[in-house]
């Protein structure tokens, strides 16, 4: 009795799995039998035949030209001609080395430099950030260091000769 019921259960499982594979095969082939797609609201023929191309790159090349634009990341770089590093007459510049460079630290650094109306460049290497300050005045650089200490950001000020 136990062996017959085991064979019966295995037979039912086999029929269900085999029937599922047949259903998937039929469903997959239904999509390939209609190569044309029609839209009625714009009277635009979006004709596409899946049987023409061998790979995905050729399929993309067969799409009709469209006036829509895909969403992309946009980066705008603005170079002001009023004050740049190259126009500075001084050969001394200052850099700040910060051992903690996270989102909050960058927010505070931006705020302090905007308060002093200074241009700066951040170079991040892991958790350590190097900030190049666009000034040759040591007092302003020290004021920036003190301003960053208010936010518990400790820095090392270095002077470099260009």
C-alpha atoms as a PDB file:
ATOM      1  CA  UNK A   1       0.000   0.000   0.000  1.00  0.00           C
ATOM      2  CA  UNK A   2       2.772   2.413   0.888  1.00  0.00           C
ATOM      3  CA  UNK A   3       4.724   1.702  -2.298  1.00  0.00           C
ATOM      4  CA  UNK A   4       1.675   2.126  -4.524  1.00  0.00           C
ATOM      5  CA  UNK A   5       0.820   5.479  -2.953  1.00  0.00           C
ATOM      6  CA  UNK A   6       4.439   6.598  -3.360  1.00  0.00           C
ATOM      7  CA  UNK A   7       4.347   5.708  -7.069  1.00  0.00           C
ATOM      8  CA  UNK A   8       1.021   7.479  -7.416  1.00  0.00           C
ATOM      9  CA  UNK A   9       2.402  10.672  -5.827  1.00  0.00           C
ATOM     10  CA  UNK A  10       5.498  10.585  -8.045  1.00  0.00           C
ATOM     11  CA  UNK A  11       3.340  10.100 -11.139  1.00  0.00           C
ATOM     12  CA  UNK A  12       1.179  13.114 -10.221  1.00  0.00           C
ATOM     13  CA  UNK A  13       4.261  15.267  -9.601  1.00  0.00           C
ATOM     14  CA  UNK A  14       5.734  14.173 -12.956  1.00  0.00           C
ATOM     15  CA  UNK A  15       2.522  15.037 -14.814  1.00  0.00           C
ATOM     16  CA  UNK A  16       2.314  18.460 -13.150  1.00  0.00           C
ATOM     17  CA  UNK A  17       5.967  19.325 -13.875  1.00  0.00           C
ATOM     18  CA  UNK A  18       5.789  18.030 -17.464  1.00  0.00           C
ATOM     19  CA  UNK A  19       2.543  19.927 -18.049  1.00  0.00           C
ATOM     20  CA  UNK A  20       4.143  23.080 -16.633  1.00  0.00           C
ATOM     21  CA  UNK A  21       7.061  22.827 -19.054  1.00  0.00           C
ATOM     22  CA  UNK A  22       4.690  22.390 -21.984  1.00  0.00           C
ATOM     23  CA  UNK A  23       2.629  25.404 -20.842  1.00  0.00           C
ATOM     24  CA  UNK A  24       5.779  27.567 -20.540  1.00  0.00           C
ATOM     25  CA  UNK A  25       6.954  26.524 -23.995  1.00  0.00           C
ATOM     26  CA  UNK A  26       3.599  27.378 -25.562  1.00  0.00           C
ATOM     27  CA  UNK A  27       3.449  30.717 -23.689  1.00  0.00           C
ATOM     28  CA  UNK A  28       6.975  31.666 -24.816  1.00  0.00           C
ATOM     29  CA  UNK A  29       6.159  30.951 -28.463  1.00  0.00           C
ATOM     30  CA  UNK A  30       2.946  32.982 -28.440  1.00  0.00           C
ATOM     31  CA  UNK A  31       4.853  36.284 -28.154  1.00  0.00           C
ATOM     32  CA  UNK A  32       6.958  35.555 -31.233  1.00  0.00           C
ATOM     33  CA  UNK A  33       4.022  34.923 -33.543  1.00  0.00           C
ATOM     34  CA  UNK A  34       2.920  38.604 -33.682  1.00  0.00           C
ATOM     35  CA  UNK A  35       5.790  40.751 -34.989  1.00  0.00           C
ATOM     36  CA  UNK A  36       3.827  44.010 -35.401  1.00  0.00           C
ATOM     37  CA  UNK A  37       2.690  46.415 -32.683  1.00  0.00           C
ATOM     38  CA  UNK A  38       0.088  49.060 -33.529  1.00  0.00           C
ATOM     39  CA  UNK A  39      -0.909  52.123 -31.513  1.00  0.00           C
ATOM     40  CA  UNK A  40      -4.215  53.789 -32.221  1.00  0.00           C
ATOM     41  CA  UNK A  41      -3.992  57.115 -30.373  1.00  0.00           C
ATOM     42  CA  UNK A  42      -1.085  58.673 -32.343  1.00  0.00           C
ATOM     43  CA  UNK A  43      -1.389  56.709 -35.595  1.00  0.00           C
ATOM     44  CA  UNK A  44       2.299  55.794 -35.268  1.00  0.00           C
ATOM     45  CA  UNK A  45       3.472  52.437 -36.561  1.00  0.00           C
ATOM     46  CA  UNK A  46       5.942  50.974 -34.097  1.00  0.00           C
ATOM     47  CA  UNK A  47       6.957  48.110 -36.329  1.00  0.00           C
ATOM     48  CA  UNK A  48       9.472  45.736 -34.816  1.00  0.00           C
ATOM     49  CA  UNK A  49      10.294  42.227 -35.921  1.00  0.00           C
ATOM     50  CA  UNK A  50      12.003  39.986 -33.380  1.00  0.00           C
ATOM     51  CA  UNK A  51      13.063  37.526 -36.072  1.00  0.00           C
ATOM     52  CA  UNK A  52      15.347  39.979 -37.950  1.00  0.00           C
ATOM     53  CA  UNK A  53      18.155  40.471 -35.432  1.00  0.00           C
ATOM     54  CA  UNK A  54      20.594  38.074 -33.873  1.00  0.00           C
ATOM     55  CA  UNK A  55      21.796  40.092 -30.886  1.00  0.00           C
ATOM     56  CA  UNK A  56      20.505  42.884 -28.660  1.00  0.00           C
ATOM     57  CA  UNK A  57      22.728  45.567 -30.210  1.00  0.00           C
ATOM     58  CA  UNK A  58      21.214  45.045 -33.649  1.00  0.00           C
ATOM     59  CA  UNK A  59      17.732  45.129 -32.133  1.00  0.00           C
ATOM     60  CA  UNK A  60      18.458  48.528 -30.591  1.00  0.00           C
ATOM     61  CA  UNK A  61      19.826  49.805 -33.905  1.00  0.00           C
ATOM     62  CA  UNK A  62      16.548  48.896 -35.630  1.00  0.00           C
ATOM     63  CA  UNK A  63      14.403  51.171 -33.426  1.00  0.00           C
ATOM     64  CA  UNK A  64      12.975  54.211 -35.187  1.00  0.00           C
ATOM     65  CA  UNK A  65      14.453  57.615 -34.385  1.00  0.00           C
ATOM     66  CA  UNK A  66      12.564  59.272 -31.535  1.00  0.00           C
ATOM     67  CA  UNK A  67      12.397  62.847 -30.320  1.00  0.00           C
ATOM     68  CA  UNK A  68      12.300  61.903 -26.632  1.00  0.00           C
ATOM     69  CA  UNK A  69      15.389  62.201 -24.441  1.00  0.00           C
ATOM     70  CA  UNK A  70      16.463  59.639 -21.878  1.00  0.00           C
ATOM     71  CA  UNK A  71      17.092  60.889 -18.316  1.00  0.00           C
ATOM     72  CA  UNK A  72      20.774  61.435 -17.606  1.00  0.00           C
ATOM     73  CA  UNK A  73      22.967  62.853 -14.887  1.00  0.00           C
ATOM     74  CA  UNK A  74      23.922  66.441 -15.600  1.00  0.00           C
ATOM     75  CA  UNK A  75      27.134  68.019 -14.373  1.00  0.00           C
ATOM     76  CA  UNK A  76      27.658  71.733 -14.903  1.00  0.00           C
ATOM     77  CA  UNK A  77      31.174  73.064 -14.456  1.00  0.00           C
ATOM     78  CA  UNK A  78      31.399  76.820 -14.110  1.00  0.00           C
ATOM     79  CA  UNK A  79      34.821  78.461 -14.401  1.00  0.00           C
ATOM     80  CA  UNK A  80      34.781  82.044 -13.247  1.00  0.00           C
ATOM     81  CA  UNK A  81      37.328  84.313 -14.862  1.00  0.00           C
ATOM     82  CA  UNK A  82      37.363  86.849 -12.042  1.00  0.00           C
ATOM     83  CA  UNK A  83      39.580  84.960  -9.666  1.00  0.00           C
ATOM     84  CA  UNK A  84      41.455  81.763 -10.425  1.00  0.00           C
ATOM     85  CA  UNK A  85      44.495  80.022  -9.066  1.00  0.00           C
ATOM     86  CA  UNK A  86      46.504  80.953 -12.140  1.00  0.00           C
ATOM     87  CA  UNK A  87      45.908  84.710 -11.708  1.00  0.00           C
ATOM     88  CA  UNK A  88      47.250  84.760  -8.155  1.00  0.00           C
ATOM     89  CA  UNK A  89      50.578  86.624  -7.998  1.00  0.00           C
ATOM     90  CA  UNK A  90      51.649  84.915  -4.771  1.00  0.00           C
ATOM     91  CA  UNK A  91      53.604  81.703  -4.815  1.00  0.00           C
ATOM     92  CA  UNK A  92      52.250  80.572  -1.427  1.00  0.00           C
ATOM     93  CA  UNK A  93      49.089  78.537  -1.005  1.00  0.00           C
ATOM     94  CA  UNK A  94      47.598  76.740   1.966  1.00  0.00           C
ATOM     95  CA  UNK A  95      46.166  73.270   2.247  1.00  0.00           C
ATOM     96  CA  UNK A  96      44.135  71.686   5.019  1.00  0.00           C
ATOM     97  CA  UNK A  97      44.426  67.979   5.771  1.00  0.00           C
ATOM     98  CA  UNK A  98      41.331  66.488   7.401  1.00  0.00           C
ATOM     99  CA  UNK A  99      41.264  62.942   8.748  1.00  0.00           C
ATOM    100  CA  UNK A 100      37.464  62.657   8.680  1.00  0.00           C
ATOM    101  CA  UNK A 101      35.619  63.234   5.422  1.00  0.00           C
ATOM    102  CA  UNK A 102      31.965  62.242   5.721  1.00  0.00           C
ATOM    103  CA  UNK A 103      28.721  63.897   4.623  1.00  0.00           C
ATOM    104  CA  UNK A 104      28.359  66.049   7.751  1.00  0.00           C
ATOM    105  CA  UNK A 105      31.997  67.193   7.606  1.00  0.00           C
ATOM    106  CA  UNK A 106      31.626  68.277   3.990  1.00  0.00           C
ATOM    107  CA  UNK A 107      28.465  70.197   4.878  1.00  0.00           C
ATOM    108  CA  UNK A 108      30.317  72.054   7.659  1.00  0.00           C
ATOM    109  CA  UNK A 109      33.353  72.707   5.443  1.00  0.00           C
ATOM    110  CA  UNK A 110      31.123  74.213   2.752  1.00  0.00           C
ATOM    111  CA  UNK A 111      29.444  76.425   5.333  1.00  0.00           C
ATOM    112  CA  UNK A 112      32.721  77.736   6.790  1.00  0.00           C
ATOM    113  CA  UNK A 113      34.225  78.487   3.378  1.00  0.00           C
ATOM    114  CA  UNK A 114      31.050  80.302   2.291  1.00  0.00           C
ATOM    115  CA  UNK A 115      31.256  82.409   5.459  1.00  0.00           C
ATOM    116  CA  UNK A 116      34.778  83.491   4.490  1.00  0.00           C
ATOM    117  CA  UNK A 117      33.879  83.783   0.775  1.00  0.00           C
ATOM    118  CA  UNK A 118      36.782  81.539  -0.238  1.00  0.00           C
ATOM    119  CA  UNK A 119      37.169  79.168  -3.164  1.00  0.00           C
ATOM    120  CA  UNK A 120      38.489  75.731  -2.344  1.00  0.00           C
ATOM    121  CA  UNK A 121      39.124  72.319  -3.880  1.00  0.00           C
ATOM    122  CA  UNK A 122      38.686  69.026  -2.050  1.00  0.00           C
ATOM    123  CA  UNK A 123      40.735  65.965  -2.962  1.00  0.00           C
ATOM    124  CA  UNK A 124      39.508  62.869  -1.145  1.00  0.00           C
ATOM    125  CA  UNK A 125      41.687  59.799  -0.667  1.00  0.00           C
ATOM    126  CA  UNK A 126      39.812  57.243   1.455  1.00  0.00           C
ATOM    127  CA  UNK A 127      38.800  58.921   4.707  1.00  0.00           C
ATOM    128  CA  UNK A 128      41.485  61.605   4.452  1.00  0.00           C
ATOM    129  CA  UNK A 129      40.645  64.794   2.579  1.00  0.00           C
ATOM    130  CA  UNK A 130      43.050  67.464   1.356  1.00  0.00           C
ATOM    131  CA  UNK A 131      41.543  70.914   0.859  1.00  0.00           C
ATOM    132  CA  UNK A 132      43.374  73.438  -1.312  1.00  0.00           C
ATOM    133  CA  UNK A 133      42.459  76.979  -0.239  1.00  0.00           C
ATOM    134  CA  UNK A 134      42.463  79.828  -2.762  1.00  0.00           C
ATOM    135  CA  UNK A 135      44.223  82.371  -0.561  1.00  0.00           C
ATOM    136  CA  UNK A 136      47.748  83.467   0.206  1.00  0.00           C
ATOM    137  CA  UNK A 137      46.782  85.107   3.540  1.00  0.00           C
ATOM    138  CA  UNK A 138      47.819  82.995   6.522  1.00  0.00           C
ATOM    139  CA  UNK A 139      45.438  84.818   8.894  1.00  0.00           C
ATOM    140  CA  UNK A 140      42.413  83.885   6.780  1.00  0.00           C
ATOM    141  CA  UNK A 141      43.611  80.286   6.619  1.00  0.00           C
ATOM    142  CA  UNK A 142      43.961  80.204  10.425  1.00  0.00           C
ATOM    143  CA  UNK A 143      40.466  81.713  10.777  1.00  0.00           C
ATOM    144  CA  UNK A 144      39.129  78.881   8.593  1.00  0.00           C
ATOM    145  CA  UNK A 145      40.862  76.332  10.840  1.00  0.00           C
ATOM    146  CA  UNK A 146      39.282  77.951  13.915  1.00  0.00           C
ATOM    147  CA  UNK A 147      35.900  78.018  12.173  1.00  0.00           C
ATOM    148  CA  UNK A 148      36.157  74.296  11.504  1.00  0.00           C
ATOM    149  CA  UNK A 149      37.045  73.632  15.155  1.00  0.00           C
ATOM    150  CA  UNK A 150      33.591  74.961  16.091  1.00  0.00           C
ATOM    151  CA  UNK A 151      32.142  71.950  14.269  1.00  0.00           C
ATOM    152  CA  UNK A 152      34.642  69.543  15.904  1.00  0.00           C
ATOM    153  CA  UNK A 153      36.596  69.148  12.662  1.00  0.00           C
ATOM    154  CA  UNK A 154      40.301  69.136  13.469  1.00  0.00           C
ATOM    155  CA  UNK A 155      42.645  69.982  10.611  1.00  0.00           C
ATOM    156  CA  UNK A 156      46.317  70.365   9.870  1.00  0.00           C
ATOM    157  CA  UNK A 157      47.295  73.558   8.047  1.00  0.00           C
ATOM    158  CA  UNK A 158      50.214  73.297   5.625  1.00  0.00           C
ATOM    159  CA  UNK A 159      51.823  75.970   3.508  1.00  0.00           C
ATOM    160  CA  UNK A 160      52.977  75.061   0.028  1.00  0.00           C
ATOM    161  CA  UNK A 161      55.043  77.051  -2.439  1.00  0.00           C
ATOM    162  CA  UNK A 162      53.944  77.037  -6.044  1.00  0.00           C
END
